N, C-alpha and C. Protein backbone atom coordinates (compact mmCIF):
# COMPACT_ATOMS: atom_id res chain seq x y z
N UNK A 1 -39.81 -22.82 -49.90
CA UNK A 1 -38.40 -22.21 -49.43
C UNK A 1 -38.41 -20.61 -49.00
N UNK A 2 -37.11 -20.60 -48.15
CA UNK A 2 -36.48 -19.14 -48.05
C UNK A 2 -36.42 -18.73 -49.42
N UNK A 3 -36.20 -17.53 -49.14
CA UNK A 3 -35.85 -16.41 -50.38
C UNK A 3 -34.54 -16.26 -49.74
N UNK A 4 -33.24 -15.68 -51.14
CA UNK A 4 -31.97 -15.34 -50.34
C UNK A 4 -31.83 -14.22 -49.74
N UNK A 5 -32.82 -13.25 -49.37
CA UNK A 5 -33.01 -12.21 -48.57
C UNK A 5 -33.37 -12.79 -47.37
N UNK A 6 -33.71 -13.63 -47.49
CA UNK A 6 -34.75 -13.93 -46.07
C UNK A 6 -33.60 -14.86 -44.97
N UNK A 7 -32.51 -15.15 -45.88
CA UNK A 7 -31.30 -16.14 -45.61
C UNK A 7 -30.40 -15.14 -44.92
N UNK A 8 -30.47 -14.36 -45.67
CA UNK A 8 -29.22 -13.07 -45.35
C UNK A 8 -29.63 -12.16 -43.60
N UNK A 9 -31.35 -12.50 -43.57
CA UNK A 9 -31.57 -11.82 -42.70
C UNK A 9 -31.27 -12.64 -41.24
N UNK A 10 -31.60 -13.49 -41.71
CA UNK A 10 -31.59 -14.56 -41.05
C UNK A 10 -30.26 -14.98 -39.67
N UNK A 11 -29.18 -15.15 -41.24
CA UNK A 11 -27.41 -14.98 -40.70
C UNK A 11 -27.43 -13.87 -40.21
N UNK A 12 -27.70 -12.72 -40.36
CA UNK A 12 -27.64 -11.00 -39.71
C UNK A 12 -28.05 -11.43 -38.60
N UNK A 13 -29.06 -12.12 -37.89
CA UNK A 13 -29.94 -12.21 -36.95
C UNK A 13 -29.44 -12.84 -35.63
N UNK A 14 -28.53 -14.33 -36.37
CA UNK A 14 -27.79 -14.96 -35.52
C UNK A 14 -26.27 -14.63 -35.48
N UNK A 15 -25.93 -13.78 -36.44
CA UNK A 15 -24.43 -13.41 -36.01
C UNK A 15 -24.56 -12.17 -34.56
N UNK A 16 -25.76 -11.96 -34.89
CA UNK A 16 -25.84 -10.45 -33.34
C UNK A 16 -26.39 -11.43 -32.18
N UNK A 17 -27.13 -12.48 -32.62
CA UNK A 17 -27.49 -12.78 -31.39
C UNK A 17 -26.28 -13.28 -30.84
N UNK A 18 -25.37 -14.20 -31.27
CA UNK A 18 -24.06 -14.84 -31.25
C UNK A 18 -23.35 -13.76 -30.40
N UNK A 19 -23.43 -12.23 -31.08
CA UNK A 19 -22.22 -11.60 -30.44
C UNK A 19 -23.02 -10.85 -29.65
N UNK A 20 -23.71 -10.50 -28.94
CA UNK A 20 -24.59 -10.09 -27.81
C UNK A 20 -24.69 -11.21 -26.37
N UNK A 21 -24.40 -12.80 -26.91
CA UNK A 21 -24.21 -13.58 -26.05
C UNK A 21 -22.87 -13.65 -25.56
N UNK A 22 -22.16 -13.36 -26.63
CA UNK A 22 -20.57 -13.64 -25.74
C UNK A 22 -20.11 -12.46 -25.24
N UNK A 23 -21.43 -11.33 -25.43
CA UNK A 23 -20.46 -10.29 -24.67
C UNK A 23 -21.09 -10.07 -23.41
N UNK A 24 -22.42 -10.97 -23.48
CA UNK A 24 -22.86 -10.81 -21.91
C UNK A 24 -22.16 -11.83 -20.96
N UNK A 25 -21.29 -13.00 -21.72
CA UNK A 25 -20.64 -14.01 -20.94
C UNK A 25 -19.17 -13.08 -20.46
N UNK A 26 -19.02 -12.70 -21.37
CA UNK A 26 -17.60 -12.06 -20.89
C UNK A 26 -17.80 -11.17 -19.61
N UNK A 27 -18.93 -10.37 -19.52
CA UNK A 27 -19.19 -9.50 -18.70
C UNK A 27 -19.43 -9.84 -17.32
N UNK A 28 -20.43 -11.26 -17.50
CA UNK A 28 -20.67 -12.17 -16.65
C UNK A 28 -19.41 -12.83 -15.89
N UNK A 29 -18.53 -13.13 -16.64
CA UNK A 29 -17.53 -13.34 -15.86
C UNK A 29 -16.85 -12.72 -14.95
N UNK A 30 -16.09 -11.43 -15.98
CA UNK A 30 -15.56 -10.20 -15.56
C UNK A 30 -15.90 -9.93 -13.97
N UNK A 31 -17.28 -9.99 -13.86
CA UNK A 31 -18.16 -9.88 -12.53
C UNK A 31 -17.73 -10.63 -11.24
N UNK A 32 -17.93 -12.11 -11.91
CA UNK A 32 -17.80 -12.97 -11.12
C UNK A 32 -16.50 -12.89 -10.32
N UNK A 33 -15.45 -12.91 -11.10
CA UNK A 33 -14.11 -12.63 -11.19
C UNK A 33 -13.52 -11.86 -9.87
N UNK A 34 -14.75 -10.56 -10.24
CA UNK A 34 -14.39 -9.31 -9.18
C UNK A 34 -14.96 -9.99 -7.36
N UNK A 35 -15.96 -10.98 -7.85
CA UNK A 35 -16.83 -10.95 -6.45
C UNK A 35 -16.22 -12.48 -6.00
N UNK A 36 -15.61 -12.79 -6.62
CA UNK A 36 -14.79 -14.28 -6.34
C UNK A 36 -13.72 -13.96 -5.22
N UNK A 37 -13.98 -15.11 -4.41
CA UNK A 37 -13.09 -15.28 -2.87
C UNK A 37 -11.90 -15.31 -3.30
N UNK A 38 -11.43 -15.71 -4.63
CA UNK A 38 -10.29 -16.95 -4.85
C UNK A 38 -9.41 -15.80 -5.44
N UNK A 39 -10.02 -14.35 -5.33
CA UNK A 39 -9.15 -13.53 -6.52
C UNK A 39 -8.33 -12.92 -5.34
N UNK A 40 -7.07 -12.88 -5.74
CA UNK A 40 -6.22 -13.11 -4.27
C UNK A 40 -5.15 -11.65 -4.73
N UNK A 41 -5.03 -11.41 -6.26
CA UNK A 41 -3.92 -10.57 -6.42
C UNK A 41 -4.44 -9.01 -6.48
N UNK A 42 -3.43 -8.00 -6.12
CA UNK A 42 -4.53 -6.47 -6.51
C UNK A 42 -4.57 -6.14 -7.99
N UNK A 43 -5.72 -5.67 -8.23
CA UNK A 43 -5.52 -5.12 -9.42
C UNK A 43 -5.29 -3.48 -10.14
N UNK A 44 -4.86 -3.29 -10.95
CA UNK A 44 -4.40 -1.60 -11.66
C UNK A 44 -5.33 -0.98 -11.86
N UNK A 45 -5.50 -0.03 -11.90
CA UNK A 45 -6.49 0.61 -12.85
C UNK A 45 -6.09 2.26 -13.49
N UNK A 46 -6.41 2.68 -14.63
CA UNK A 46 -5.83 3.94 -14.85
C UNK A 46 -6.52 4.43 -14.81
N UNK A 47 -7.10 6.26 -14.55
CA UNK A 47 -8.14 6.78 -14.14
C UNK A 47 -8.44 7.38 -15.92
N UNK A 48 -10.05 7.28 -16.12
CA UNK A 48 -10.01 7.55 -17.40
C UNK A 48 -10.15 9.27 -17.45
N UNK A 49 -9.57 10.35 -17.72
CA UNK A 49 -9.73 11.80 -17.59
C UNK A 49 -10.89 12.19 -18.42
N UNK A 50 -11.38 11.31 -19.43
CA UNK A 50 -12.74 11.83 -20.10
C UNK A 50 -14.11 11.64 -19.33
N UNK A 51 -13.96 10.88 -17.94
CA UNK A 51 -15.50 10.48 -17.40
C UNK A 51 -14.85 10.65 -16.31
N UNK A 52 -14.04 11.34 -15.47
CA UNK A 52 -13.83 11.62 -14.06
C UNK A 52 -13.74 13.08 -14.09
N UNK A 53 -14.82 13.32 -12.59
CA UNK A 53 -15.01 14.95 -13.05
C UNK A 53 -15.16 15.50 -11.27
N UNK A 54 -14.35 16.13 -10.95
CA UNK A 54 -13.76 16.97 -9.73
C UNK A 54 -14.50 18.41 -9.72
N UNK A 55 -15.00 18.08 -8.51
CA UNK A 55 -15.99 19.53 -8.40
C UNK A 55 -16.06 20.18 -6.79
N UNK A 56 -15.89 21.05 -7.01
CA UNK A 56 -16.52 21.72 -5.27
C UNK A 56 -17.51 22.56 -5.40
N UNK A 57 -18.21 22.87 -3.47
CA UNK A 57 -18.98 23.83 -3.39
C UNK A 57 -18.80 24.43 -2.04
N UNK A 58 -18.85 25.29 -1.98
CA UNK A 58 -18.72 26.36 -0.90
C UNK A 58 -19.80 27.45 -0.98
N UNK A 59 -20.23 27.83 0.43
CA UNK A 59 -21.26 28.85 0.91
C UNK A 59 -20.78 30.21 0.18
N UNK A 60 -22.05 31.00 -0.04
CA UNK A 60 -21.16 32.43 -0.57
C UNK A 60 -22.57 33.32 -0.08
N UNK A 61 -21.56 33.84 0.89
CA UNK A 61 -22.13 35.22 1.13
C UNK A 61 -23.29 34.66 2.24
N UNK A 62 -23.87 33.24 2.36
CA UNK A 62 -24.56 33.30 3.17
C UNK A 62 -25.92 32.53 2.54
N UNK A 63 -26.09 33.19 1.31
CA UNK A 63 -27.01 33.37 0.14
C UNK A 63 -27.20 31.86 -0.70
N UNK A 64 -26.17 31.57 -1.17
CA UNK A 64 -26.47 30.43 -1.95
C UNK A 64 -24.91 29.25 -2.31
N UNK A 65 -24.90 28.51 -2.84
CA UNK A 65 -23.32 27.60 -3.06
C UNK A 65 -23.24 27.86 -4.17
N UNK A 66 -22.13 28.20 -3.77
CA UNK A 66 -21.06 28.63 -5.08
C UNK A 66 -20.02 27.11 -5.82
N UNK A 67 -20.64 26.83 -6.79
CA UNK A 67 -19.78 25.55 -7.33
C UNK A 67 -19.01 25.54 -8.54
N UNK A 68 -18.02 24.93 -9.12
CA UNK A 68 -16.95 24.41 -9.69
C UNK A 68 -16.95 23.31 -10.53
N UNK A 69 -16.26 23.20 -11.24
CA UNK A 69 -15.46 22.09 -11.71
C UNK A 69 -13.91 22.28 -11.77
N UNK A 70 -13.40 21.24 -11.78
CA UNK A 70 -11.90 20.61 -12.46
C UNK A 70 -12.15 20.21 -13.73
N UNK A 71 -11.18 20.47 -14.88
CA UNK A 71 -11.79 20.09 -15.92
C UNK A 71 -10.59 18.66 -16.46
N UNK A 72 -9.65 18.70 -15.49
CA UNK A 72 -8.48 17.75 -16.05
C UNK A 72 -7.67 17.40 -14.68
N UNK A 73 -8.10 15.70 -14.85
CA UNK A 73 -7.95 15.30 -13.60
C UNK A 73 -7.48 13.50 -14.53
N UNK A 74 -6.37 13.15 -13.59
CA UNK A 74 -5.34 11.97 -14.11
C UNK A 74 -5.36 11.30 -12.37
N UNK A 75 -4.98 10.04 -12.94
CA UNK A 75 -4.31 8.82 -11.67
C UNK A 75 -4.74 7.74 -11.93
N UNK A 76 -4.05 6.89 -10.73
CA UNK A 76 -4.11 5.17 -11.21
C UNK A 76 -4.91 5.08 -9.44
N UNK A 77 -5.25 3.81 -9.37
CA UNK A 77 -5.80 3.03 -8.58
C UNK A 77 -5.54 1.50 -8.59
N UNK A 78 -5.08 1.24 -7.65
CA UNK A 78 -5.02 0.01 -6.97
C UNK A 78 -5.69 -0.74 -6.05
N UNK A 79 -6.10 -2.15 -6.20
CA UNK A 79 -7.61 -2.56 -5.74
C UNK A 79 -7.29 -4.16 -5.31
N UNK A 80 -7.26 -4.48 -3.72
CA UNK A 80 -7.31 -5.77 -3.48
C UNK A 80 -8.17 -6.02 -2.49
N UNK A 81 -9.77 -6.61 -3.01
CA UNK A 81 -10.43 -6.68 -2.02
C UNK A 81 -10.17 -7.36 -0.95
N UNK A 82 -10.05 -8.43 -1.52
CA UNK A 82 -9.51 -10.07 -0.71
C UNK A 82 -8.88 -9.14 1.20
N UNK A 83 -7.45 -8.79 0.35
CA UNK A 83 -6.47 -8.25 1.46
C UNK A 83 -6.87 -7.11 2.08
N UNK A 84 -8.13 -6.77 1.40
CA UNK A 84 -8.55 -5.12 2.10
C UNK A 84 -7.50 -3.87 1.89
N UNK A 85 -6.76 -3.89 1.04
CA UNK A 85 -5.66 -2.86 0.97
C UNK A 85 -5.96 -2.53 -0.83
N UNK A 86 -4.88 -1.87 -0.90
CA UNK A 86 -5.11 -0.78 -1.68
C UNK A 86 -4.33 0.65 -2.23
N UNK A 87 -4.73 0.99 -3.53
CA UNK A 87 -3.49 2.64 -3.27
C UNK A 87 -4.04 3.57 -4.07
N UNK A 88 -4.61 4.51 -3.77
CA UNK A 88 -5.56 5.99 -4.46
C UNK A 88 -4.53 7.00 -5.16
N UNK A 89 -4.09 7.35 -6.13
CA UNK A 89 -3.49 8.36 -6.11
C UNK A 89 -4.14 9.68 -7.67
N UNK A 90 -4.64 10.54 -7.21
CA UNK A 90 -5.46 11.19 -8.17
C UNK A 90 -4.76 12.49 -7.85
N UNK A 91 -4.79 13.34 -9.68
CA UNK A 91 -3.95 14.79 -9.13
C UNK A 91 -4.78 15.61 -9.97
N UNK A 92 -5.03 16.41 -10.14
CA UNK A 92 -6.17 17.70 -10.52
C UNK A 92 -5.30 19.01 -10.96
N UNK A 93 -5.23 19.22 -11.69
CA UNK A 93 -4.78 20.43 -12.69
C UNK A 93 -5.82 21.62 -12.28
N UNK A 94 -5.25 22.25 -11.05
CA UNK A 94 -5.71 23.53 -10.77
C UNK A 94 -5.95 24.45 -11.75
N UNK A 95 -5.48 24.74 -12.67
CA UNK A 95 -5.73 25.96 -13.65
C UNK A 95 -6.72 25.32 -14.43
N UNK A 96 -7.04 24.19 -14.73
CA UNK A 96 -8.68 23.81 -15.30
C UNK A 96 -9.79 24.42 -14.54
N UNK A 97 -9.73 24.86 -13.22
CA UNK A 97 -10.60 25.27 -12.60
C UNK A 97 -12.07 25.99 -13.56
N UNK A 98 -13.21 25.63 -13.33
CA UNK A 98 -14.30 26.37 -14.43
C UNK A 98 -15.65 26.06 -13.11
N UNK A 99 -16.05 27.98 -13.21
CA UNK A 99 -17.23 27.92 -12.74
C UNK A 99 -18.00 28.56 -13.33
N UNK A 100 -17.63 28.44 -14.80
CA UNK A 100 -18.73 29.16 -15.76
C UNK A 100 -19.01 30.50 -16.20
N UNK A 101 -17.93 31.33 -15.23
CA UNK A 101 -17.69 32.69 -15.74
C UNK A 101 -16.16 32.76 -15.56
N UNK A 102 -15.32 33.85 -16.88
CA UNK A 102 -14.41 33.55 -16.97
C UNK A 102 -13.07 34.46 -16.41
N UNK A 103 -14.29 35.34 -15.61
CA UNK A 103 -13.57 36.60 -14.91
C UNK A 103 -13.13 36.17 -13.68
N UNK A 104 -14.19 35.19 -13.26
CA UNK A 104 -14.05 34.46 -11.59
C UNK A 104 -13.11 33.55 -11.39
N UNK A 105 -13.16 32.85 -12.65
CA UNK A 105 -12.21 31.68 -12.67
C UNK A 105 -10.60 32.02 -12.57
N UNK A 106 -10.28 33.49 -13.33
CA UNK A 106 -8.85 33.56 -13.55
C UNK A 106 -8.46 34.39 -11.45
N UNK A 107 -9.60 34.97 -11.30
CA UNK A 107 -9.15 34.93 -10.03
C UNK A 107 -9.11 34.08 -8.94
N UNK A 108 -10.01 33.28 -9.27
CA UNK A 108 -9.41 31.76 -8.28
C UNK A 108 -7.95 31.14 -8.57
N UNK A 109 -7.64 31.47 -10.02
CA UNK A 109 -6.15 31.19 -10.80
C UNK A 109 -5.15 31.94 -9.90
N UNK A 110 -5.57 32.65 -9.18
CA UNK A 110 -4.62 33.99 -8.87
C UNK A 110 -4.00 33.80 -7.06
N UNK A 111 -2.93 34.38 -7.23
CA UNK A 111 -2.22 34.28 -5.72
C UNK A 111 -3.24 33.97 -4.34
N UNK A 112 -4.10 34.57 -4.70
CA UNK A 112 -5.63 34.58 -2.99
C UNK A 112 -6.06 33.44 -2.90
N UNK A 113 -6.05 32.21 -3.73
CA UNK A 113 -7.01 31.15 -4.19
C UNK A 113 -5.72 30.38 -3.98
N UNK A 114 -6.10 29.73 -5.42
CA UNK A 114 -4.98 28.26 -6.25
C UNK A 114 -3.67 28.46 -6.33
N UNK A 115 -3.20 30.14 -6.85
CA UNK A 115 -2.10 30.38 -6.77
C UNK A 115 -1.54 29.04 -8.22
N UNK A 116 -2.17 29.12 -9.03
CA UNK A 116 -1.66 28.15 -9.99
C UNK A 116 -0.34 28.06 -10.42
N UNK A 117 0.03 29.46 -10.68
CA UNK A 117 1.52 29.61 -11.14
C UNK A 117 2.64 28.58 -10.65
N UNK A 118 2.22 28.85 -9.23
CA UNK A 118 3.26 28.25 -7.87
C UNK A 118 3.01 26.47 -7.31
N UNK A 119 1.69 26.49 -7.83
CA UNK A 119 0.93 24.95 -7.22
C UNK A 119 -0.05 24.53 -8.45
N UNK A 120 0.64 24.10 -9.58
CA UNK A 120 -0.27 23.80 -10.97
C UNK A 120 -0.93 22.56 -10.58
N UNK A 121 -1.12 21.85 -9.06
CA UNK A 121 -1.77 19.99 -8.86
C UNK A 121 -1.85 19.93 -7.78
N UNK A 122 -2.71 19.84 -7.63
CA UNK A 122 -3.44 19.55 -6.45
C UNK A 122 -3.79 17.87 -6.06
N UNK A 123 -3.33 17.21 -5.32
CA UNK A 123 -3.02 15.39 -5.39
C UNK A 123 -3.47 15.04 -4.23
N UNK A 124 -4.25 13.57 -4.16
CA UNK A 124 -5.08 13.03 -3.35
C UNK A 124 -4.54 12.17 -3.14
N UNK A 125 -3.33 10.92 -2.49
CA UNK A 125 -3.35 9.89 -2.23
C UNK A 125 -3.56 9.22 -1.07
N UNK A 126 -4.10 7.69 -1.37
CA UNK A 126 -4.73 7.59 0.11
C UNK A 126 -3.90 5.79 -0.06
N UNK A 127 -3.36 5.26 1.25
CA UNK A 127 -2.78 3.83 0.93
C UNK A 127 -3.65 2.99 1.98
N UNK A 128 -4.47 3.49 2.52
CA UNK A 128 -5.64 2.97 3.42
C UNK A 128 -6.99 2.93 2.66
N UNK A 129 -7.55 1.93 2.27
CA UNK A 129 -8.78 1.73 2.00
C UNK A 129 -9.88 0.65 2.94
N UNK A 130 -10.81 1.00 2.61
CA UNK A 130 -12.09 0.53 3.28
C UNK A 130 -12.95 -0.09 2.73
N UNK A 131 -13.34 -1.35 2.86
CA UNK A 131 -14.13 -2.16 2.05
C UNK A 131 -15.45 -3.00 3.17
N UNK A 132 -16.49 -3.23 2.44
CA UNK A 132 -17.89 -3.42 2.79
C UNK A 132 -17.55 -5.18 1.79
N UNK A 133 -17.48 -5.87 2.37
CA UNK A 133 -17.29 -7.31 1.37
C UNK A 133 -16.37 -7.08 0.39
N UNK A 134 -16.66 -6.82 -0.53
CA UNK A 134 -15.71 -6.55 -2.04
C UNK A 134 -15.69 -5.35 -2.70
N UNK A 135 -16.85 -4.50 -1.60
CA UNK A 135 -17.31 -3.19 -2.51
C UNK A 135 -16.40 -2.11 -1.10
N UNK A 136 -15.67 -0.87 -2.46
CA UNK A 136 -14.76 0.05 -1.80
C UNK A 136 -15.63 0.82 -1.11
N UNK A 137 -16.13 1.27 0.08
CA UNK A 137 -16.17 2.67 0.55
C UNK A 137 -16.35 3.38 1.19
N UNK A 138 -14.55 3.00 1.27
CA UNK A 138 -14.23 4.86 2.11
C UNK A 138 -12.40 4.66 1.85
N UNK A 139 -11.67 5.82 1.74
CA UNK A 139 -10.22 5.87 2.01
C UNK A 139 -9.80 6.92 2.61
N UNK A 140 -8.64 6.62 3.52
CA UNK A 140 -7.97 7.61 4.14
C UNK A 140 -6.97 7.97 3.58
N UNK A 141 -6.53 9.30 3.36
CA UNK A 141 -5.34 9.88 2.68
C UNK A 141 -4.92 11.22 3.30
N UNK A 142 -3.99 11.76 2.06
CA UNK A 142 -3.76 13.43 2.36
C UNK A 142 -3.75 13.54 1.00
N UNK A 143 -3.93 15.10 1.61
CA UNK A 143 -4.66 16.17 0.67
C UNK A 143 -3.37 16.82 -0.12
N UNK A 144 -2.63 17.43 -0.52
CA UNK A 144 -1.42 18.25 -0.99
C UNK A 144 -2.50 19.32 -1.74
N UNK A 145 -2.22 21.05 -1.55
CA UNK A 145 -2.70 21.83 -2.05
C UNK A 145 -2.06 22.82 -1.61
N UNK A 146 -1.83 24.45 -2.63
CA UNK A 146 -0.83 24.98 -1.81
C UNK A 146 0.57 24.71 -0.86
N UNK A 147 0.37 23.46 -1.58
CA UNK A 147 2.22 23.45 -0.96
C UNK A 147 2.33 22.75 0.41
N UNK A 148 0.81 22.14 0.68
CA UNK A 148 0.50 21.89 2.06
C UNK A 148 -0.10 20.44 2.51
N UNK A 149 0.63 19.59 3.06
CA UNK A 149 -0.10 18.59 2.73
C UNK A 149 -1.02 17.96 4.00
N UNK A 150 -2.24 17.57 4.53
CA UNK A 150 -3.01 17.26 5.39
C UNK A 150 -3.86 16.37 5.10
N UNK A 151 -3.82 15.33 6.41
CA UNK A 151 -4.79 14.35 6.15
C UNK A 151 -6.31 14.40 5.58
N UNK A 152 -6.61 13.51 4.87
CA UNK A 152 -8.44 13.78 4.34
C UNK A 152 -8.73 12.35 3.94
N UNK A 153 -10.11 12.05 4.36
CA UNK A 153 -10.88 11.12 4.44
C UNK A 153 -11.88 11.15 3.40
N UNK A 154 -12.25 10.10 2.57
CA UNK A 154 -12.86 9.85 1.37
C UNK A 154 -13.84 8.99 1.74
N UNK A 155 -15.50 9.54 1.72
CA UNK A 155 -17.01 8.68 1.25
C UNK A 155 -16.63 8.14 -0.08
N UNK A 156 -16.71 6.94 -0.07
CA UNK A 156 -17.17 6.10 -1.70
C UNK A 156 -18.34 5.78 -1.83
N UNK A 157 -19.21 6.24 -2.76
CA UNK A 157 -20.36 5.45 -3.30
C UNK A 157 -20.40 5.05 -4.29
N UNK A 158 -21.45 4.44 -4.64
CA UNK A 158 -21.88 3.76 -6.04
C UNK A 158 -20.59 2.78 -6.69
N UNK A 159 -19.75 2.42 -5.86
CA UNK A 159 -18.64 1.52 -6.58
C UNK A 159 -19.44 0.11 -7.21
N UNK A 160 -18.58 0.51 -8.69
CA UNK A 160 -19.28 -0.72 -9.29
C UNK A 160 -18.05 -1.61 -10.52
N UNK A 161 -17.76 -2.18 -10.59
CA UNK A 161 -17.24 -2.70 -11.94
C UNK A 161 -17.28 -3.45 -12.94
N UNK A 162 -17.37 -3.48 -14.16
CA UNK A 162 -18.03 -4.25 -14.83
C UNK A 162 -17.05 -4.21 -16.14
N UNK A 163 -17.44 -4.84 -17.31
CA UNK A 163 -16.77 -5.05 -18.45
C UNK A 163 -17.40 -3.49 -19.49
N UNK A 164 -16.79 -3.08 -19.67
CA UNK A 164 -17.04 -1.52 -20.41
C UNK A 164 -17.85 -1.76 -21.86
N UNK A 165 -19.10 -1.50 -21.58
CA UNK A 165 -19.90 -2.01 -23.03
C UNK A 165 -19.20 -1.59 -24.46
N UNK A 166 -18.36 -0.51 -24.24
CA UNK A 166 -18.58 0.39 -25.79
C UNK A 166 -16.79 -0.08 -25.56
N UNK A 167 -15.61 0.01 -24.63
CA UNK A 167 -14.46 -0.43 -25.18
C UNK A 167 -13.98 -1.61 -24.75
N UNK A 168 -14.75 -2.39 -24.37
CA UNK A 168 -14.55 -3.73 -23.94
C UNK A 168 -13.79 -3.97 -23.33
N UNK A 169 -13.39 -3.36 -22.30
CA UNK A 169 -12.41 -3.66 -20.82
C UNK A 169 -12.87 -3.31 -19.85
N UNK A 170 -12.37 -4.30 -19.05
CA UNK A 170 -12.29 -3.92 -17.48
C UNK A 170 -12.40 -2.48 -17.04
N UNK A 171 -13.38 -2.27 -16.18
CA UNK A 171 -13.50 -0.83 -15.48
C UNK A 171 -14.20 -0.64 -14.28
N UNK A 172 -13.77 0.06 -13.75
CA UNK A 172 -14.51 0.54 -12.50
C UNK A 172 -15.51 1.76 -12.47
N UNK A 173 -15.66 2.43 -11.18
CA UNK A 173 -16.24 3.33 -10.99
C UNK A 173 -17.09 3.95 -10.02
N UNK A 174 -16.73 5.06 -9.35
CA UNK A 174 -17.42 5.21 -7.99
C UNK A 174 -17.49 6.73 -8.02
N UNK A 175 -18.27 7.14 -7.13
CA UNK A 175 -18.24 8.72 -6.31
C UNK A 175 -17.58 8.92 -5.00
N UNK A 176 -16.88 10.09 -5.06
CA UNK A 176 -16.48 10.01 -2.93
C UNK A 176 -16.58 11.44 -3.45
N UNK A 177 -16.81 11.97 -1.64
CA UNK A 177 -16.77 13.07 -1.45
C UNK A 177 -15.77 13.30 -0.20
N UNK A 178 -15.39 14.45 -0.09
CA UNK A 178 -14.88 14.84 1.17
C UNK A 178 -15.30 16.17 1.97
N UNK A 179 -15.15 16.48 3.14
CA UNK A 179 -15.03 18.19 2.96
C UNK A 179 -14.22 18.47 3.71
N UNK A 180 -13.89 19.79 4.16
CA UNK A 180 -12.34 20.35 4.25
C UNK A 180 -12.20 21.54 4.92
N UNK A 181 -11.51 22.40 5.60
CA UNK A 181 -11.60 23.46 6.07
C UNK A 181 -10.51 24.39 5.04
N UNK A 182 -11.05 24.70 4.03
CA UNK A 182 -9.59 25.87 2.77
C UNK A 182 -8.67 26.35 3.75
N UNK A 183 -9.22 26.94 4.41
CA UNK A 183 -8.11 27.85 6.01
C UNK A 183 -6.78 26.97 6.03
N UNK A 184 -7.35 25.75 6.63
CA UNK A 184 -6.33 24.51 6.68
C UNK A 184 -5.36 24.57 6.37
N UNK A 185 -5.01 24.91 4.74
CA UNK A 185 -4.37 25.04 3.37
C UNK A 185 -3.67 26.47 3.23
N UNK A 186 -4.16 27.27 4.16
CA UNK A 186 -3.53 28.47 3.55
C UNK A 186 -4.57 29.40 2.92
N UNK A 187 -6.09 28.62 2.47
CA UNK A 187 -6.56 29.79 1.56
C UNK A 187 -7.48 30.43 2.45
N UNK A 188 -7.35 31.42 2.85
CA UNK A 188 -7.87 32.26 3.98
C UNK A 188 -8.54 33.43 3.09
N UNK A 189 -8.91 33.60 2.09
CA UNK A 189 -9.25 35.11 1.29
C UNK A 189 -10.46 34.87 1.62
N UNK A 190 -11.13 36.19 2.05
CA UNK A 190 -12.42 36.10 2.43
C UNK A 190 -13.37 35.30 3.11
N UNK A 191 -12.74 34.49 4.11
CA UNK A 191 -13.24 33.95 5.00
C UNK A 191 -13.85 34.73 6.17
N UNK A 192 -14.54 34.71 6.69
CA UNK A 192 -15.81 33.95 6.33
C UNK A 192 -17.21 34.12 5.78
N UNK A 193 -17.03 35.25 4.91
CA UNK A 193 -17.74 35.57 3.60
C UNK A 193 -18.05 34.73 2.87
N UNK A 194 -16.87 34.28 2.64
CA UNK A 194 -17.13 33.04 1.42
C UNK A 194 -16.98 31.96 2.57
N UNK A 195 -17.26 30.68 2.28
CA UNK A 195 -17.54 30.37 3.47
C UNK A 195 -16.10 29.36 3.26
N UNK A 196 -15.37 28.57 4.68
CA UNK A 196 -14.24 28.07 4.80
C UNK A 196 -14.05 26.89 4.55
N UNK A 197 -15.50 26.47 5.04
CA UNK A 197 -15.55 24.43 5.00
C UNK A 197 -16.28 24.57 3.21
N UNK A 198 -15.56 23.57 2.53
CA UNK A 198 -15.20 23.55 0.99
C UNK A 198 -15.66 21.44 0.92
N UNK A 199 -17.09 21.76 0.07
CA UNK A 199 -16.96 20.09 -0.29
C UNK A 199 -16.29 19.79 -1.27
N UNK A 200 -15.74 18.64 -1.18
CA UNK A 200 -15.35 18.48 -2.60
C UNK A 200 -15.84 16.97 -3.50
N UNK A 201 -16.26 16.84 -4.50
CA UNK A 201 -16.44 15.66 -5.13
C UNK A 201 -15.75 15.08 -6.29
N UNK A 202 -15.66 13.70 -6.23
CA UNK A 202 -15.28 13.39 -7.61
C UNK A 202 -15.65 12.35 -8.49
N UNK A 203 -16.13 12.46 -9.21
CA UNK A 203 -16.90 10.92 -9.97
C UNK A 203 -16.06 10.26 -11.03
N UNK A 204 -15.82 8.55 -10.77
CA UNK A 204 -14.29 8.50 -11.33
C UNK A 204 -14.83 7.25 -12.35
N UNK A 205 -14.06 7.29 -13.18
CA UNK A 205 -14.08 6.04 -14.17
C UNK A 205 -12.57 5.77 -14.60
N UNK A 206 -12.18 4.51 -14.31
CA UNK A 206 -10.90 3.75 -14.74
C UNK A 206 -10.99 2.57 -15.35
N UNK A 207 -10.14 2.19 -16.29
CA UNK A 207 -9.62 1.18 -16.77
C UNK A 207 -8.50 0.44 -16.49
N UNK A 208 -8.99 -1.02 -16.50
CA UNK A 208 -7.89 -2.44 -15.86
C UNK A 208 -7.04 -2.07 -16.32
N UNK A 209 -5.17 -1.92 -15.42
CA UNK A 209 -4.23 -2.22 -16.85
C UNK A 209 -4.11 -3.86 -17.21
N UNK A 210 -3.54 -3.49 -18.51
CA UNK A 210 -3.17 -5.32 -18.93
C UNK A 210 -1.91 -5.64 -17.75
């Protein structure tokens, strides 16, 4: 005959197993819905600022690559894989620049570079999205920086959607990158001693809106 303690443990194991199966079923159903050819309506997402990282790298004196991040990013995404359409809008707080050295960050916030007092936001907006099947692989849009707006193309990799295991909400994530010439936007300080070509990268996580 099973003891009361053993019965309690068995019930706890059964409850945990049921919970895991339920979570697996929800995640499987969500992934299937994304991949289903019946998906007809666009899905909207809100960018998770706690898990979205914008960064840049630029040649420094021909000796090394200088790198930095922007610590505050927000935005929204709409995707319709069946129609092959969607919309992306990403806003970056330029004052949140972080290269690991306070004095250098203050210099980069000044008028010679990002001029954050006059232009506190850098924005990327895309209305043309490219898909390989249901997978987002690129976006053509416009980057606004220092008050100037020019076309930019993003290459997108690692695009994945799933049920978030902690928040238990549908979520998508991706890595994106592009290369620009900063002088095209009027940021010419120290070119070419400090490189003109800048690689911009952004790792995005976003939650589906209700």
